[in-house]
Amino acid sequence: MEKGLVKIYCGEGKGKSTSSLGRALVCASEGKEVFMIQFLKGRYTGTLDYFKRLEPEVKVFRFEKMNRYYEDLSENEQKEENINILNGVNFAKKVLTIGECDVLVLDEILGLVDLGILDVSDVIHLIRTRREEMELILTGRNLPAELVDEADYISRIDIVKKADCEA
């Protein structure tokens, strides 16, 4: 078995989740089993419903219950949602420990560190828990310095130009 890499997609630009999904699709086309756990995106079903079409090759999980992005929730709603988010983190730990898949994408897990829901040491523990042959992909805006040495590949996606309209 070849060694799986730890990849991080970070930065202020859009496309981190899309890049990780693109990598997931490449791996699935190679016959690998792929899990993607998305954080901070709410339970909004539009894209999630579409992702369901990728099963069984790519399985996408969201543990949040609210239909809005985390940043749009009230403080009390965020506290409630934190419990669901931590359930998702515990599921990731289980997947990593058991080795349930070949590729695991933890979409916006770095955002959990930004918000203080997880400590960077928790993310390091997740990385070190994985089987050596499992590929692990992490995404989020900010890259804590402590994660640089834990990764094999880091891609920064930044905004070079932004027009007045959102695409």
C-alpha atoms as a PDB file:
ATOM      1  CA  MET A   1       0.000   0.000   0.000  1.00  0.00           C
ATOM      2  CA  GLU A   2       1.250   3.475  -0.797  1.00  0.00           C
ATOM      3  CA  LYS A   3       1.407   6.153   1.868  1.00  0.00           C
ATOM      4  CA  GLY A   4      -1.598   8.461   1.944  1.00  0.00           C
ATOM      5  CA  LEU A   5      -0.870  12.167   2.062  1.00  0.00           C
ATOM      6  CA  VAL A   6      -2.169  14.873   4.369  1.00  0.00           C
ATOM      7  CA  LYS A   7      -3.335  17.771   2.187  1.00  0.00           C
ATOM      8  CA  ILE A   8      -4.528  21.178   3.299  1.00  0.00           C
ATOM      9  CA  TYR A   9      -6.447  23.675   1.155  1.00  0.00           C
ATOM     10  CA  CYS A  10      -6.547  27.068   2.875  1.00  0.00           C
ATOM     11  CA  GLY A  11      -6.849  30.785   2.173  1.00  0.00           C
ATOM     12  CA  GLU A  12      -9.347  33.602   1.754  1.00  0.00           C
ATOM     13  CA  GLY A  13     -10.362  32.691  -1.780  1.00  0.00           C
ATOM     14  CA  LYS A  14     -13.319  30.577  -2.836  1.00  0.00           C
ATOM     15  CA  GLY A  15     -12.644  27.076  -4.099  1.00  0.00           C
ATOM     16  CA  LYS A  16     -11.199  25.188  -1.135  1.00  0.00           C
ATOM     17  CA  SER A  17     -14.211  22.888  -0.797  1.00  0.00           C
ATOM     18  CA  THR A  18     -14.437  22.577  -4.567  1.00  0.00           C
ATOM     19  CA  SER A  19     -10.759  21.620  -4.790  1.00  0.00           C
ATOM     20  CA  SER A  20     -11.163  18.992  -2.101  1.00  0.00           C
ATOM     21  CA  LEU A  21     -14.253  17.625  -3.834  1.00  0.00           C
ATOM     22  CA  GLY A  22     -12.341  17.497  -7.121  1.00  0.00           C
ATOM     23  CA  ARG A  23      -9.613  15.469  -5.439  1.00  0.00           C
ATOM     24  CA  ALA A  24     -12.302  13.231  -3.910  1.00  0.00           C
ATOM     25  CA  LEU A  25     -13.766  12.562  -7.361  1.00  0.00           C
ATOM     26  CA  VAL A  26     -10.340  11.669  -8.773  1.00  0.00           C
ATOM     27  CA  CYS A  27      -9.795   9.223  -5.910  1.00  0.00           C
ATOM     28  CA  ALA A  28     -13.270   7.723  -6.358  1.00  0.00           C
ATOM     29  CA  SER A  29     -12.551   7.226 -10.075  1.00  0.00           C
ATOM     30  CA  GLU A  30      -9.499   5.202  -8.993  1.00  0.00           C
ATOM     31  CA  GLY A  31     -11.761   2.877  -6.998  1.00  0.00           C
ATOM     32  CA  LYS A  32     -11.052   4.431  -3.606  1.00  0.00           C
ATOM     33  CA  GLU A  33     -13.764   4.857  -1.005  1.00  0.00           C
ATOM     34  CA  VAL A  34     -14.187   8.528  -0.090  1.00  0.00           C
ATOM     35  CA  PHE A  35     -15.908  10.165   2.883  1.00  0.00           C
ATOM     36  CA  MET A  36     -16.411  13.924   3.130  1.00  0.00           C
ATOM     37  CA  ILE A  37     -17.512  15.489   6.414  1.00  0.00           C
ATOM     38  CA  GLN A  38     -18.586  19.107   6.020  1.00  0.00           C
ATOM     39  CA  PHE A  39     -18.595  21.565   8.910  1.00  0.00           C
ATOM     40  CA  LEU A  40     -20.102  25.069   9.277  1.00  0.00           C
ATOM     41  CA  LYS A  41     -22.337  24.719   6.214  1.00  0.00           C
ATOM     42  CA  GLY A  42     -25.570  23.975   8.037  1.00  0.00           C
ATOM     43  CA  ARG A  43     -28.128  21.446   6.941  1.00  0.00           C
ATOM     44  CA  TYR A  44     -28.996  23.353   3.764  1.00  0.00           C
ATOM     45  CA  THR A  45     -29.984  20.592   1.394  1.00  0.00           C
ATOM     46  CA  GLY A  46     -29.394  22.147  -2.040  1.00  0.00           C
ATOM     47  CA  THR A  47     -25.784  21.067  -2.553  1.00  0.00           C
ATOM     48  CA  LEU A  48     -26.081  18.197  -0.102  1.00  0.00           C
ATOM     49  CA  ASP A  49     -28.891  16.681  -2.165  1.00  0.00           C
ATOM     50  CA  TYR A  50     -26.694  16.893  -5.244  1.00  0.00           C
ATOM     51  CA  PHE A  51     -23.756  15.283  -3.408  1.00  0.00           C
ATOM     52  CA  LYS A  52     -25.998  12.321  -2.564  1.00  0.00           C
ATOM     53  CA  ARG A  53     -25.891  11.425  -6.271  1.00  0.00           C
ATOM     54  CA  LEU A  54     -22.197  10.644  -5.868  1.00  0.00           C
ATOM     55  CA  GLU A  55     -22.919   7.773  -3.477  1.00  0.00           C
ATOM     56  CA  PRO A  56     -21.761   5.117  -2.931  1.00  0.00           C
ATOM     57  CA  GLU A  57     -18.354   6.202  -4.269  1.00  0.00           C
ATOM     58  CA  VAL A  58     -18.323   9.484  -2.335  1.00  0.00           C
ATOM     59  CA  LYS A  59     -20.281   9.715   0.909  1.00  0.00           C
ATOM     60  CA  VAL A  60     -20.955  13.236   2.231  1.00  0.00           C
ATOM     61  CA  PHE A  61     -21.920  13.848   5.863  1.00  0.00           C
ATOM     62  CA  ARG A  62     -23.162  16.938   7.685  1.00  0.00           C
ATOM     63  CA  PHE A  63     -24.043  16.764  11.359  1.00  0.00           C
ATOM     64  CA  GLU A  64     -25.433  20.256  11.800  1.00  0.00           C
ATOM     65  CA  LYS A  65     -29.210  20.581  12.153  1.00  0.00           C
ATOM     66  CA  MET A  66     -29.849  24.242  11.298  1.00  0.00           C
ATOM     67  CA  ASN A  67     -30.713  25.198   7.716  1.00  0.00           C
ATOM     68  CA  ARG A  68     -28.364  28.191   7.780  1.00  0.00           C
ATOM     69  CA  TYR A  69     -24.625  28.670   7.756  1.00  0.00           C
ATOM     70  CA  TYR A  70     -23.067  28.707  11.234  1.00  0.00           C
ATOM     71  CA  GLU A  71     -22.068  32.373  10.950  1.00  0.00           C
ATOM     72  CA  ASP A  72     -25.721  33.331  10.365  1.00  0.00           C
ATOM     73  CA  LEU A  73     -26.955  31.716  13.606  1.00  0.00           C
ATOM     74  CA  SER A  74     -27.692  33.467  16.895  1.00  0.00           C
ATOM     75  CA  GLU A  75     -25.326  32.857  19.812  1.00  0.00           C
ATOM     76  CA  ASN A  76     -27.769  30.374  21.388  1.00  0.00           C
ATOM     77  CA  GLU A  77     -28.238  28.549  18.089  1.00  0.00           C
ATOM     78  CA  GLN A  78     -24.464  28.326  17.696  1.00  0.00           C
ATOM     79  CA  LYS A  79     -24.158  26.767  21.155  1.00  0.00           C
ATOM     80  CA  GLU A  80     -26.749  24.158  20.174  1.00  0.00           C
ATOM     81  CA  GLU A  81     -25.036  23.546  16.861  1.00  0.00           C
ATOM     82  CA  ASN A  82     -21.642  23.098  18.559  1.00  0.00           C
ATOM     83  CA  ILE A  83     -22.940  19.826  20.023  1.00  0.00           C
ATOM     84  CA  ASN A  84     -23.825  18.575  16.536  1.00  0.00           C
ATOM     85  CA  ILE A  85     -20.474  19.745  15.175  1.00  0.00           C
ATOM     86  CA  LEU A  86     -18.624  17.835  17.895  1.00  0.00           C
ATOM     87  CA  ASN A  87     -20.667  14.750  16.964  1.00  0.00           C
ATOM     88  CA  GLY A  88     -19.248  15.179  13.465  1.00  0.00           C
ATOM     89  CA  VAL A  89     -15.719  15.447  14.865  1.00  0.00           C
ATOM     90  CA  ASN A  90     -16.289  12.266  16.888  1.00  0.00           C
ATOM     91  CA  PHE A  91     -17.509  10.524  13.730  1.00  0.00           C
ATOM     92  CA  ALA A  92     -14.287  11.646  11.989  1.00  0.00           C
ATOM     93  CA  LYS A  93     -12.256  10.161  14.876  1.00  0.00           C
ATOM     94  CA  LYS A  94     -14.119   6.865  14.453  1.00  0.00           C
ATOM     95  CA  VAL A  95     -13.567   6.835  10.691  1.00  0.00           C
ATOM     96  CA  LEU A  96      -9.854   7.552  11.188  1.00  0.00           C
ATOM     97  CA  THR A  97      -9.461   4.946  13.937  1.00  0.00           C
ATOM     98  CA  ILE A  98     -11.314   2.163  12.136  1.00  0.00           C
ATOM     99  CA  GLY A  99     -10.027   3.109   8.699  1.00  0.00           C
ATOM    100  CA  GLU A 100     -13.506   3.075   7.168  1.00  0.00           C
ATOM    101  CA  CYS A 101     -12.425   4.763   3.939  1.00  0.00           C
ATOM    102  CA  ASP A 102      -9.382   5.411   1.769  1.00  0.00           C
ATOM    103  CA  VAL A 103      -9.803   9.189   1.586  1.00  0.00           C
ATOM    104  CA  LEU A 104     -11.320  11.431   4.252  1.00  0.00           C
ATOM    105  CA  VAL A 105     -12.106  15.085   3.559  1.00  0.00           C
ATOM    106  CA  LEU A 106     -12.711  17.283   6.611  1.00  0.00           C
ATOM    107  CA  ASP A 107     -14.213  20.319   4.926  1.00  0.00           C
ATOM    108  CA  GLU A 108     -13.890  23.551   6.966  1.00  0.00           C
ATOM    109  CA  ILE A 109     -12.338  21.788   9.956  1.00  0.00           C
ATOM    110  CA  LEU A 110      -9.824  24.641  10.187  1.00  0.00           C
ATOM    111  CA  GLY A 111     -12.799  26.966  10.664  1.00  0.00           C
ATOM    112  CA  LEU A 112     -13.618  25.050  13.844  1.00  0.00           C
ATOM    113  CA  VAL A 113     -10.202  26.077  15.160  1.00  0.00           C
ATOM    114  CA  ASP A 114     -10.830  29.713  14.143  1.00  0.00           C
ATOM    115  CA  LEU A 115     -14.107  29.682  16.102  1.00  0.00           C
ATOM    116  CA  GLY A 116     -12.608  28.017  19.181  1.00  0.00           C
ATOM    117  CA  ILE A 117     -14.805  24.916  18.802  1.00  0.00           C
ATOM    118  CA  LEU A 118     -11.644  22.804  18.402  1.00  0.00           C
ATOM    119  CA  ASP A 119      -8.087  23.403  19.465  1.00  0.00           C
ATOM    120  CA  VAL A 120      -5.302  22.974  16.917  1.00  0.00           C
ATOM    121  CA  SER A 121      -4.041  20.086  19.088  1.00  0.00           C
ATOM    122  CA  ASP A 122      -7.344  18.291  18.376  1.00  0.00           C
ATOM    123  CA  VAL A 123      -6.694  18.580  14.641  1.00  0.00           C
ATOM    124  CA  ILE A 124      -3.128  17.327  15.083  1.00  0.00           C
ATOM    125  CA  HIS A 125      -4.518  14.340  16.998  1.00  0.00           C
ATOM    126  CA  LEU A 126      -6.914  13.607  14.118  1.00  0.00           C
ATOM    127  CA  ILE A 127      -4.050  13.724  11.617  1.00  0.00           C
ATOM    128  CA  ARG A 128      -1.888  11.409  13.692  1.00  0.00           C
ATOM    129  CA  THR A 129      -4.770   8.957  14.244  1.00  0.00           C
ATOM    130  CA  ARG A 130      -5.164   8.087  10.565  1.00  0.00           C
ATOM    131  CA  ARG A 131      -3.795   4.917   9.013  1.00  0.00           C
ATOM    132  CA  GLU A 132      -0.626   5.624   7.069  1.00  0.00           C
ATOM    133  CA  GLU A 133      -2.220   4.677   3.732  1.00  0.00           C
ATOM    134  CA  MET A 134      -5.285   6.925   4.212  1.00  0.00           C
ATOM    135  CA  GLU A 135      -5.345  10.264   2.410  1.00  0.00           C
ATOM    136  CA  LEU A 136      -6.621  13.075   4.631  1.00  0.00           C
ATOM    137  CA  ILE A 137      -7.727  16.442   3.245  1.00  0.00           C
ATOM    138  CA  LEU A 138      -8.396  19.455   5.485  1.00  0.00           C
ATOM    139  CA  THR A 139      -9.868  22.784   4.404  1.00  0.00           C
ATOM    140  CA  GLY A 140     -10.405  26.201   5.969  1.00  0.00           C
ATOM    141  CA  ARG A 141      -9.452  29.844   5.655  1.00  0.00           C
ATOM    142  CA  ASN A 142      -6.629  30.089   8.165  1.00  0.00           C
ATOM    143  CA  LEU A 143      -3.710  27.697   8.519  1.00  0.00           C
ATOM    144  CA  PRO A 144      -2.360  27.446  12.068  1.00  0.00           C
ATOM    145  CA  ALA A 145       1.448  27.347  12.023  1.00  0.00           C
ATOM    146  CA  GLU A 146       1.384  24.132  14.076  1.00  0.00           C
ATOM    147  CA  LEU A 147      -0.183  22.261  11.138  1.00  0.00           C
ATOM    148  CA  VAL A 148       2.483  23.115   8.565  1.00  0.00           C
ATOM    149  CA  ASP A 149       4.799  20.278   9.618  1.00  0.00           C
ATOM    150  CA  GLU A 150       1.865  17.840   9.865  1.00  0.00           C
ATOM    151  CA  ALA A 151       0.946  18.255   6.183  1.00  0.00           C
ATOM    152  CA  ASP A 152       2.553  16.776   3.104  1.00  0.00           C
ATOM    153  CA  TYR A 153       0.892  19.251   0.735  1.00  0.00           C
ATOM    154  CA  ILE A 154      -0.506  22.731   1.374  1.00  0.00           C
ATOM    155  CA  SER A 155      -2.327  24.777  -1.238  1.00  0.00           C
ATOM    156  CA  ARG A 156      -3.264  28.405  -0.541  1.00  0.00           C
ATOM    157  CA  ILE A 157      -6.233  29.733  -2.496  1.00  0.00           C
ATOM    158  CA  ASP A 158      -6.332  33.513  -2.408  1.00  0.00           C
ATOM    159  CA  ILE A 159      -8.290  36.263  -4.119  1.00  0.00           C
ATOM    160  CA  VAL A 160      -6.276  38.062  -6.772  1.00  0.00           C
ATOM    161  CA  LYS A 161      -9.148  40.135  -8.112  1.00  0.00           C
ATOM    162  CA  LYS A 162     -12.747  40.492  -7.026  1.00  0.00           C
ATOM    163  CA  ALA A 163     -15.324  42.196  -9.230  1.00  0.00           C
ATOM    164  CA  ASP A 164     -18.320  43.977  -7.721  1.00  0.00           C
ATOM    165  CA  CYS A 165     -20.597  41.043  -8.520  1.00  0.00           C
ATOM    166  CA  GLU A 166     -20.440  37.639  -6.866  1.00  0.00           C
ATOM    167  CA  ALA A 167     -20.126  34.687  -9.232  1.00  0.00           C
END
